[in-house]
Amino acid sequence: MGRLDDVERRLEKIVRGVFSRGGGRRVEPVEIASALRREMDLKAIALTEGRTITPNVFDARLSDADFETAQEWGTALAEELCEVVIKHAQGQGYALLGPVRFSFLHDPVLRTGVFEIDSRTEKQQNRGPRDAGRGRAGGTGAGRTSSRSGSVTGGPWRKEVEEKRPVLEIHGQRYSLNAPTIVLGRSSEADILVDDTGVSRKHLQIHTQDGQSEAVDLGSTNGSYVNGQKIHGSAPLADGSVISMGRTKITFRLLSSGDGSR
């Protein structure tokens, strides 16, 4: 799983740290991470233009004790949970319509060890520079919730990212890599047809997982190259990488959601 495993290991560190102190069962970060993925899958909506959107704003409501523990970690925990959302969206091909935001809310009704996830979709909004780093604290009276939020540069509970999606540029056309595996070749059975006699029927595969893409040669007759280096097995792709197959050159790009492609 690569980078996703790294996120899980960092969450486990948090479990062994603050959340493991004291008696009784407490909410563990890995539980919240799993709940976030389930929430994204349940709330995913397929649009007519071929995109699937999922929520980008999440609240985790915690009991008195769990909320107090979560506050101690602030930035570290919130950032890792935002990474969970980002990586799951990339792995599933979900589109996020705005920055990923995560907040902990205090809910005195909940028992220790019990939490609930609320989610919603919020589009990108322009904010003034004075608003970028402000935090907010709510009341803590009976029946009320309290939250602390702000951008990650100025407060510990929110992280904003720009979603990038992989595309291929071939002869002036852009092709979205909207599946974990995309096959390129001269055959009509290929996902992307390349009209080049130097290209095999199923020549190359682009594999994308956890936001990372790689080119895999499928035993082609003339071989495949990334940035002039012949592929032996597979080769990682970065924004701007040039793939060569036959006489065709293909540019791998990571684009913002607003950029058009087929």
C-alpha atoms as a PDB file:
ATOM      1  CA  MET A   1       0.000   0.000   0.000  1.00  0.00           C
ATOM      2  CA  GLY A   2       3.043   2.275   0.173  1.00  0.00           C
ATOM      3  CA  ARG A   3       2.243   5.769   1.372  1.00  0.00           C
ATOM      4  CA  LEU A   4      -1.085   4.675   2.858  1.00  0.00           C
ATOM      5  CA  ASP A   5       0.806   2.256   5.111  1.00  0.00           C
ATOM      6  CA  ASP A   6       3.009   5.160   6.224  1.00  0.00           C
ATOM      7  CA  VAL A   7      -0.096   7.071   7.297  1.00  0.00           C
ATOM      8  CA  GLU A   8      -1.372   4.041   9.236  1.00  0.00           C
ATOM      9  CA  ARG A   9       1.983   3.641  11.000  1.00  0.00           C
ATOM     10  CA  ARG A  10       1.971   7.285  12.047  1.00  0.00           C
ATOM     11  CA  LEU A  11      -1.560   6.883  13.394  1.00  0.00           C
ATOM     12  CA  GLU A  12      -0.425   3.837  15.362  1.00  0.00           C
ATOM     13  CA  LYS A  13       2.260   6.008  16.954  1.00  0.00           C
ATOM     14  CA  ILE A  14      -0.450   8.332  18.163  1.00  0.00           C
ATOM     15  CA  VAL A  15      -2.322   5.334  19.569  1.00  0.00           C
ATOM     16  CA  ARG A  16       0.769   4.331  21.539  1.00  0.00           C
ATOM     17  CA  GLY A  17       1.145   7.903  22.748  1.00  0.00           C
ATOM     18  CA  VAL A  18      -1.597  10.117  24.079  1.00  0.00           C
ATOM     19  CA  PHE A  19      -4.578   7.877  23.311  1.00  0.00           C
ATOM     20  CA  SER A  20      -3.087   4.932  25.212  1.00  0.00           C
ATOM     21  CA  ARG A  21      -2.809   6.808  28.498  1.00  0.00           C
ATOM     22  CA  GLY A  22      -5.158   6.188  31.370  1.00  0.00           C
ATOM     23  CA  GLY A  23      -7.638   3.449  32.093  1.00  0.00           C
ATOM     24  CA  GLY A  24     -10.674   2.428  30.105  1.00  0.00           C
ATOM     25  CA  ARG A  25     -11.171   2.149  26.395  1.00  0.00           C
ATOM     26  CA  ARG A  26     -10.560   5.326  24.378  1.00  0.00           C
ATOM     27  CA  VAL A  27     -11.206   6.174  20.730  1.00  0.00           C
ATOM     28  CA  GLU A  28      -8.169   5.265  18.647  1.00  0.00           C
ATOM     29  CA  PRO A  29      -7.031   7.283  15.600  1.00  0.00           C
ATOM     30  CA  VAL A  30      -7.035   4.174  13.400  1.00  0.00           C
ATOM     31  CA  GLU A  31     -10.740   3.751  14.180  1.00  0.00           C
ATOM     32  CA  ILE A  32     -11.407   7.314  13.053  1.00  0.00           C
ATOM     33  CA  ALA A  33      -9.385   6.701   9.879  1.00  0.00           C
ATOM     34  CA  SER A  34     -11.463   3.618   9.021  1.00  0.00           C
ATOM     35  CA  ALA A  35     -14.673   5.504   9.729  1.00  0.00           C
ATOM     36  CA  LEU A  36     -13.603   8.343   7.419  1.00  0.00           C
ATOM     37  CA  ARG A  37     -13.041   5.913   4.536  1.00  0.00           C
ATOM     38  CA  ARG A  38     -16.437   4.282   5.115  1.00  0.00           C
ATOM     39  CA  GLU A  39     -18.104   7.683   5.245  1.00  0.00           C
ATOM     40  CA  MET A  40     -16.486   8.689   1.932  1.00  0.00           C
ATOM     41  CA  ASP A  41     -17.621   5.471   0.258  1.00  0.00           C
ATOM     42  CA  LEU A  42     -21.169   5.779   1.589  1.00  0.00           C
ATOM     43  CA  LYS A  43     -21.528   9.437   0.567  1.00  0.00           C
ATOM     44  CA  ALA A  44     -19.842   9.107  -2.847  1.00  0.00           C
ATOM     45  CA  ILE A  45     -22.093  10.378  -5.677  1.00  0.00           C
ATOM     46  CA  ALA A  46     -21.543   9.572  -9.360  1.00  0.00           C
ATOM     47  CA  LEU A  47     -22.138  12.554 -11.661  1.00  0.00           C
ATOM     48  CA  THR A  48     -23.283  12.430 -15.268  1.00  0.00           C
ATOM     49  CA  GLU A  49     -19.946  13.753 -16.561  1.00  0.00           C
ATOM     50  CA  GLY A  50     -18.167  10.671 -15.254  1.00  0.00           C
ATOM     51  CA  ARG A  51     -16.816  12.104 -12.006  1.00  0.00           C
ATOM     52  CA  THR A  52     -17.604  10.736  -8.565  1.00  0.00           C
ATOM     53  CA  ILE A  53     -17.623  13.295  -5.775  1.00  0.00           C
ATOM     54  CA  THR A  54     -17.302  12.634  -2.066  1.00  0.00           C
ATOM     55  CA  PRO A  55     -17.372  14.880   1.018  1.00  0.00           C
ATOM     56  CA  ASN A  56     -14.318  16.994   1.800  1.00  0.00           C
ATOM     57  CA  VAL A  57     -15.309  18.374   5.232  1.00  0.00           C
ATOM     58  CA  PHE A  58     -15.493  16.063   8.241  1.00  0.00           C
ATOM     59  CA  ASP A  59     -16.331  16.409  11.934  1.00  0.00           C
ATOM     60  CA  ALA A  60     -15.546  13.745  14.523  1.00  0.00           C
ATOM     61  CA  ARG A  61     -17.744  14.115  17.603  1.00  0.00           C
ATOM     62  CA  LEU A  62     -16.030  12.849  20.750  1.00  0.00           C
ATOM     63  CA  SER A  63     -16.844  12.311  24.404  1.00  0.00           C
ATOM     64  CA  ASP A  64     -15.447  14.547  27.158  1.00  0.00           C
ATOM     65  CA  ALA A  65     -12.367  12.411  27.770  1.00  0.00           C
ATOM     66  CA  ASP A  66     -11.633  11.618  24.124  1.00  0.00           C
ATOM     67  CA  PHE A  67     -12.011  15.247  23.080  1.00  0.00           C
ATOM     68  CA  GLU A  68      -9.578  16.359  25.785  1.00  0.00           C
ATOM     69  CA  THR A  69      -7.066  13.757  24.599  1.00  0.00           C
ATOM     70  CA  ALA A  70      -7.452  14.754  20.947  1.00  0.00           C
ATOM     71  CA  GLN A  71      -6.811  18.401  21.784  1.00  0.00           C
ATOM     72  CA  GLU A  72      -3.388  17.528  23.139  1.00  0.00           C
ATOM     73  CA  TRP A  73      -2.279  16.240  19.717  1.00  0.00           C
ATOM     74  CA  GLY A  74      -3.908  18.933  17.590  1.00  0.00           C
ATOM     75  CA  THR A  75      -1.934  19.379  14.381  1.00  0.00           C
ATOM     76  CA  ALA A  76      -0.272  15.966  14.295  1.00  0.00           C
ATOM     77  CA  LEU A  77      -3.507  14.000  14.509  1.00  0.00           C
ATOM     78  CA  ALA A  78      -5.595  16.289  12.301  1.00  0.00           C
ATOM     79  CA  GLU A  79      -2.966  16.299   9.537  1.00  0.00           C
ATOM     80  CA  GLU A  80      -2.720  12.515   9.476  1.00  0.00           C
ATOM     81  CA  LEU A  81      -6.499  12.134   9.295  1.00  0.00           C
ATOM     82  CA  CYS A  82      -6.643  14.648   6.441  1.00  0.00           C
ATOM     83  CA  GLU A  83      -3.999  12.549   4.681  1.00  0.00           C
ATOM     84  CA  VAL A  84      -6.248   9.505   5.099  1.00  0.00           C
ATOM     85  CA  VAL A  85      -9.043  11.356   3.274  1.00  0.00           C
ATOM     86  CA  ILE A  86      -6.743  12.592   0.509  1.00  0.00           C
ATOM     87  CA  LYS A  87      -5.149   9.201  -0.152  1.00  0.00           C
ATOM     88  CA  HIS A  88      -8.481   7.362  -0.124  1.00  0.00           C
ATOM     89  CA  ALA A  89      -9.933   9.865  -2.604  1.00  0.00           C
ATOM     90  CA  GLN A  90      -6.944   9.418  -4.901  1.00  0.00           C
ATOM     91  CA  GLY A  91      -7.029   5.631  -4.608  1.00  0.00           C
ATOM     92  CA  GLN A  92     -10.763   5.425  -5.371  1.00  0.00           C
ATOM     93  CA  GLY A  93     -10.768   8.116  -8.063  1.00  0.00           C
ATOM     94  CA  TYR A  94     -13.048  10.417  -6.061  1.00  0.00           C
ATOM     95  CA  ALA A  95     -13.189  14.136  -6.840  1.00  0.00           C
ATOM     96  CA  LEU A  96     -12.992  16.620  -3.963  1.00  0.00           C
ATOM     97  CA  LEU A  97     -14.739  19.912  -4.695  1.00  0.00           C
ATOM     98  CA  GLY A  98     -12.811  21.896  -2.098  1.00  0.00           C
ATOM     99  CA  PRO A  99     -10.023  21.703   0.500  1.00  0.00           C
ATOM    100  CA  VAL A 100     -10.049  18.815   2.936  1.00  0.00           C
ATOM    101  CA  ARG A 101     -11.010  19.996   6.406  1.00  0.00           C
ATOM    102  CA  PHE A 102     -11.250  17.994   9.607  1.00  0.00           C
ATOM    103  CA  SER A 103     -12.492  19.099  13.043  1.00  0.00           C
ATOM    104  CA  PHE A 104     -12.962  17.460  16.412  1.00  0.00           C
ATOM    105  CA  LEU A 105     -16.195  18.366  18.197  1.00  0.00           C
ATOM    106  CA  HIS A 106     -16.995  17.862  21.858  1.00  0.00           C
ATOM    107  CA  ASP A 107     -20.286  16.034  22.408  1.00  0.00           C
ATOM    108  CA  PRO A 108     -20.995  15.457  26.122  1.00  0.00           C
ATOM    109  CA  VAL A 109     -23.761  12.961  25.299  1.00  0.00           C
ATOM    110  CA  LEU A 110     -21.290  10.386  23.966  1.00  0.00           C
ATOM    111  CA  ARG A 111     -19.614   7.798  26.185  1.00  0.00           C
ATOM    112  CA  THR A 112     -15.843   7.431  26.313  1.00  0.00           C
ATOM    113  CA  GLY A 113     -14.697   5.224  23.436  1.00  0.00           C
ATOM    114  CA  VAL A 114     -17.692   6.135  21.237  1.00  0.00           C
ATOM    115  CA  PHE A 115     -17.503   8.651  18.402  1.00  0.00           C
ATOM    116  CA  GLU A 116     -19.553   9.739  15.401  1.00  0.00           C
ATOM    117  CA  ILE A 117     -18.516  11.133  12.007  1.00  0.00           C
ATOM    118  CA  ASP A 118     -20.429  13.889  10.203  1.00  0.00           C
ATOM    119  CA  SER A 119     -19.501  14.926   6.669  1.00  0.00           C
ATOM    120  CA  ARG A 120     -20.473  17.393   3.989  1.00  0.00           C
ATOM    121  CA  THR A 121     -19.270  18.792   0.699  1.00  0.00           C
ATOM    122  CA  GLU A 122     -18.091  22.386   0.566  1.00  0.00           C
ATOM    123  CA  LYS A 123     -16.745  24.029  -2.558  1.00  0.00           C
ATOM    124  CA  GLN A 124     -13.584  26.120  -2.571  1.00  0.00           C
ATOM    125  CA  GLN A 125     -14.206  29.611  -1.210  1.00  0.00           C
ATOM    126  CA  ASN A 126     -11.886  32.573  -1.374  1.00  0.00           C
ATOM    127  CA  ARG A 127     -10.838  33.744   2.056  1.00  0.00           C
ATOM    128  CA  GLY A 128      -9.028  36.889   3.024  1.00  0.00           C
ATOM    129  CA  PRO A 129      -5.459  36.563   4.335  1.00  0.00           C
ATOM    130  CA  ARG A 130      -6.579  37.655   7.804  1.00  0.00           C
ATOM    131  CA  ASP A 131      -8.917  34.670   8.043  1.00  0.00           C
ATOM    132  CA  ALA A 132      -6.351  32.078   7.008  1.00  0.00           C
ATOM    133  CA  GLY A 133      -4.867  31.316  10.411  1.00  0.00           C
ATOM    134  CA  ARG A 134      -7.678  32.026  12.833  1.00  0.00           C
ATOM    135  CA  GLY A 135      -8.972  29.455  15.266  1.00  0.00           C
ATOM    136  CA  ARG A 136     -12.361  29.328  16.977  1.00  0.00           C
ATOM    137  CA  ALA A 137     -13.571  27.910  20.268  1.00  0.00           C
ATOM    138  CA  GLY A 138     -17.228  27.205  21.070  1.00  0.00           C
ATOM    139  CA  GLY A 139     -19.106  26.922  24.327  1.00  0.00           C
ATOM    140  CA  THR A 140     -18.930  23.896  26.559  1.00  0.00           C
ATOM    141  CA  GLY A 141     -22.202  24.151  28.446  1.00  0.00           C
ATOM    142  CA  ALA A 142     -24.656  21.302  28.760  1.00  0.00           C
ATOM    143  CA  GLY A 143     -26.115  20.163  25.465  1.00  0.00           C
ATOM    144  CA  ARG A 144     -23.674  22.264  23.407  1.00  0.00           C
ATOM    145  CA  THR A 145     -20.655  21.270  21.375  1.00  0.00           C
ATOM    146  CA  SER A 146     -17.282  22.898  21.203  1.00  0.00           C
ATOM    147  CA  SER A 147     -14.827  22.871  18.333  1.00  0.00           C
ATOM    148  CA  ARG A 148     -11.471  24.291  17.490  1.00  0.00           C
ATOM    149  CA  SER A 149     -10.581  24.911  13.893  1.00  0.00           C
ATOM    150  CA  GLY A 150      -8.298  26.882  11.614  1.00  0.00           C
ATOM    151  CA  SER A 151      -5.904  26.398   8.726  1.00  0.00           C
ATOM    152  CA  VAL A 152      -3.007  24.086   9.393  1.00  0.00           C
ATOM    153  CA  THR A 153      -0.522  26.975   9.251  1.00  0.00           C
ATOM    154  CA  GLY A 154      -2.237  28.858  12.055  1.00  0.00           C
ATOM    155  CA  GLY A 155      -4.199  26.279  14.019  1.00  0.00           C
ATOM    156  CA  PRO A 156      -4.108  22.550  14.678  1.00  0.00           C
ATOM    157  CA  TRP A 157      -7.397  21.281  13.258  1.00  0.00           C
ATOM    158  CA  ARG A 158      -7.598  21.903   9.558  1.00  0.00           C
ATOM    159  CA  LYS A 159      -5.554  21.102   6.490  1.00  0.00           C
ATOM    160  CA  GLU A 160      -6.166  22.414   2.992  1.00  0.00           C
ATOM    161  CA  VAL A 161      -4.878  20.700  -0.133  1.00  0.00           C
ATOM    162  CA  GLU A 162      -5.349  21.085  -3.828  1.00  0.00           C
ATOM    163  CA  GLU A 163      -6.454  17.848  -5.383  1.00  0.00           C
ATOM    164  CA  LYS A 164      -4.301  16.698  -8.289  1.00  0.00           C
ATOM    165  CA  ARG A 165      -5.351  14.087 -10.808  1.00  0.00           C
ATOM    166  CA  PRO A 166      -3.158  12.202 -13.286  1.00  0.00           C
ATOM    167  CA  VAL A 167      -3.655  12.683 -17.024  1.00  0.00           C
ATOM    168  CA  LEU A 168      -1.801  11.766 -20.204  1.00  0.00           C
ATOM    169  CA  GLU A 169      -1.189  14.255 -23.002  1.00  0.00           C
ATOM    170  CA  ILE A 170      -1.006  12.566 -26.415  1.00  0.00           C
ATOM    171  CA  HIS A 171      -0.879  14.563 -29.661  1.00  0.00           C
ATOM    172  CA  GLY A 172      -2.483  17.568 -27.973  1.00  0.00           C
ATOM    173  CA  GLN A 173      -5.292  15.565 -26.346  1.00  0.00           C
ATOM    174  CA  ARG A 174      -5.647  14.938 -22.606  1.00  0.00           C
ATOM    175  CA  TYR A 175      -6.817  11.598 -21.236  1.00  0.00           C
ATOM    176  CA  SER A 176      -7.796  11.229 -17.568  1.00  0.00           C
ATOM    177  CA  LEU A 177      -6.428   8.192 -15.754  1.00  0.00           C
ATOM    178  CA  ASN A 178      -9.772   7.496 -14.060  1.00  0.00           C
ATOM    179  CA  ALA A 179      -9.086   3.833 -13.220  1.00  0.00           C
ATOM    180  CA  PRO A 180      -6.339   2.118 -11.224  1.00  0.00           C
ATOM    181  CA  THR A 181      -5.041   0.436 -14.385  1.00  0.00           C
ATOM    182  CA  ILE A 182      -5.025   1.926 -17.902  1.00  0.00           C
ATOM    183  CA  VAL A 183      -3.673  -0.001 -20.899  1.00  0.00           C
ATOM    184  CA  LEU A 184      -2.228   1.798 -23.938  1.00  0.00           C
ATOM    185  CA  GLY A 185      -1.680   0.115 -27.279  1.00  0.00           C
ATOM    186  CA  ARG A 186      -2.630  -0.292 -30.920  1.00  0.00           C
ATOM    187  CA  SER A 187      -5.461  -2.748 -30.199  1.00  0.00           C
ATOM    188  CA  SER A 188      -9.063  -1.601 -30.050  1.00  0.00           C
ATOM    189  CA  GLU A 189      -9.200  -3.451 -26.732  1.00  0.00           C
ATOM    190  CA  ALA A 190      -6.730  -1.000 -25.164  1.00  0.00           C
ATOM    191  CA  ASP A 191      -8.141   1.687 -22.879  1.00  0.00           C
ATOM    192  CA  ILE A 192      -6.249   4.352 -24.852  1.00  0.00           C
ATOM    193  CA  LEU A 193      -5.688   3.630 -28.525  1.00  0.00           C
ATOM    194  CA  VAL A 194      -2.294   4.734 -29.890  1.00  0.00           C
ATOM    195  CA  ASP A 195      -2.216   4.811 -33.708  1.00  0.00           C
ATOM    196  CA  ASP A 196       1.448   4.003 -34.261  1.00  0.00           C
ATOM    197  CA  THR A 197       2.826   0.991 -36.151  1.00  0.00           C
ATOM    198  CA  GLY A 198       5.778   0.905 -33.733  1.00  0.00           C
ATOM    199  CA  VAL A 199       3.425   0.289 -30.831  1.00  0.00           C
ATOM    200  CA  SER A 200       2.341  -3.211 -29.789  1.00  0.00           C
ATOM    201  CA  ARG A 201      -1.325  -4.138 -29.505  1.00  0.00           C
ATOM    202  CA  LYS A 202      -1.092  -3.968 -25.718  1.00  0.00           C
ATOM    203  CA  HIS A 203       2.094  -2.066 -25.198  1.00  0.00           C
ATOM    204  CA  LEU A 204       2.085  -0.250 -21.847  1.00  0.00           C
ATOM    205  CA  GLN A 205       0.102  -0.065 -18.641  1.00  0.00           C
ATOM    206  CA  ILE A 206      -0.246   2.907 -16.281  1.00  0.00           C
ATOM    207  CA  HIS A 207      -0.882   1.755 -12.734  1.00  0.00           C
ATOM    208  CA  THR A 208      -2.076   4.271 -10.122  1.00  0.00           C
ATOM    209  CA  GLN A 209      -2.450   3.568  -6.414  1.00  0.00           C
ATOM    210  CA  ASP A 210      -2.467   5.845  -3.362  1.00  0.00           C
ATOM    211  CA  GLY A 211      -1.693   8.875  -5.516  1.00  0.00           C
ATOM    212  CA  GLN A 212       1.401   7.289  -7.084  1.00  0.00           C
ATOM    213  CA  SER A 213       1.580   6.258 -10.764  1.00  0.00           C
ATOM    214  CA  GLU A 214       4.004   4.003 -12.584  1.00  0.00           C
ATOM    215  CA  ALA A 215       4.476   2.835 -16.165  1.00  0.00           C
ATOM    216  CA  VAL A 216       4.679  -0.920 -16.769  1.00  0.00           C
ATOM    217  CA  ASP A 217       5.872  -2.345 -20.100  1.00  0.00           C
ATOM    218  CA  LEU A 218       3.656  -5.266 -21.169  1.00  0.00           C
ATOM    219  CA  GLY A 219       6.345  -7.163 -23.056  1.00  0.00           C
ATOM    220  CA  SER A 220       6.170  -4.855 -26.080  1.00  0.00           C
ATOM    221  CA  THR A 221       8.236  -5.567 -29.182  1.00  0.00           C
ATOM    222  CA  ASN A 222      10.052  -2.224 -29.296  1.00  0.00           C
ATOM    223  CA  GLY A 223      10.130  -1.445 -25.588  1.00  0.00           C
ATOM    224  CA  SER A 224       8.955   1.567 -23.586  1.00  0.00           C
ATOM    225  CA  TYR A 225      10.916   4.500 -22.175  1.00  0.00           C
ATOM    226  CA  VAL A 226      10.428   7.096 -19.437  1.00  0.00           C
ATOM    227  CA  ASN A 227      12.530  10.238 -19.839  1.00  0.00           C
ATOM    228  CA  GLY A 228      14.808   8.368 -22.244  1.00  0.00           C
ATOM    229  CA  GLN A 229      15.430   5.419 -19.919  1.00  0.00           C
ATOM    230  CA  LYS A 230      14.164   2.009 -21.002  1.00  0.00           C
ATOM    231  CA  ILE A 231      11.587   0.495 -18.675  1.00  0.00           C
ATOM    232  CA  HIS A 232      12.681  -2.775 -17.110  1.00  0.00           C
ATOM    233  CA  GLY A 233       9.588  -3.959 -15.308  1.00  0.00           C
ATOM    234  CA  SER A 234       8.155  -0.636 -14.160  1.00  0.00           C
ATOM    235  CA  ALA A 235       9.163   3.011 -13.800  1.00  0.00           C
ATOM    236  CA  PRO A 236       7.691   5.681 -11.475  1.00  0.00           C
ATOM    237  CA  LEU A 237       6.012   8.693 -13.056  1.00  0.00           C
ATOM    238  CA  ALA A 238       6.167  12.302 -11.873  1.00  0.00           C
ATOM    239  CA  ASP A 239       4.537  15.452 -13.214  1.00  0.00           C
ATOM    240  CA  GLY A 240       6.151  16.160 -16.593  1.00  0.00           C
ATOM    241  CA  SER A 241       7.536  12.648 -17.189  1.00  0.00           C
ATOM    242  CA  VAL A 242       7.767  11.783 -20.905  1.00  0.00           C
ATOM    243  CA  ILE A 243       6.822   8.256 -21.961  1.00  0.00           C
ATOM    244  CA  SER A 244       8.090   7.045 -25.350  1.00  0.00           C
ATOM    245  CA  MET A 245       6.555   4.102 -27.202  1.00  0.00           C
ATOM    246  CA  GLY A 246       7.205   3.598 -30.917  1.00  0.00           C
ATOM    247  CA  ARG A 247       7.344   7.086 -32.454  1.00  0.00           C
ATOM    248  CA  THR A 248       4.812   8.449 -29.962  1.00  0.00           C
ATOM    249  CA  LYS A 249       5.733  10.647 -27.019  1.00  0.00           C
ATOM    250  CA  ILE A 250       3.293  10.932 -24.124  1.00  0.00           C
ATOM    251  CA  THR A 251       3.515  13.429 -21.276  1.00  0.00           C
ATOM    252  CA  PHE A 252       2.321  12.453 -17.809  1.00  0.00           C
ATOM    253  CA  ARG A 253       0.776  15.384 -15.938  1.00  0.00           C
ATOM    254  CA  LEU A 254      -0.762  16.048 -12.526  1.00  0.00           C
ATOM    255  CA  LEU A 255      -3.478  18.657 -13.004  1.00  0.00           C
ATOM    256  CA  SER A 256      -5.839  20.581 -10.774  1.00  0.00           C
ATOM    257  CA  SER A 257      -9.496  19.561 -10.860  1.00  0.00           C
ATOM    258  CA  GLY A 258     -10.457  22.604 -12.932  1.00  0.00           C
ATOM    259  CA  ASP A 259      -8.252  21.688 -15.888  1.00  0.00           C
ATOM    260  CA  GLY A 260     -10.142  19.949 -18.685  1.00  0.00           C
ATOM    261  CA  SER A 261      -9.423  16.515 -20.112  1.00  0.00           C
ATOM    262  CA  ARG A 262     -11.288  13.782 -21.887  1.00  0.00           C
END
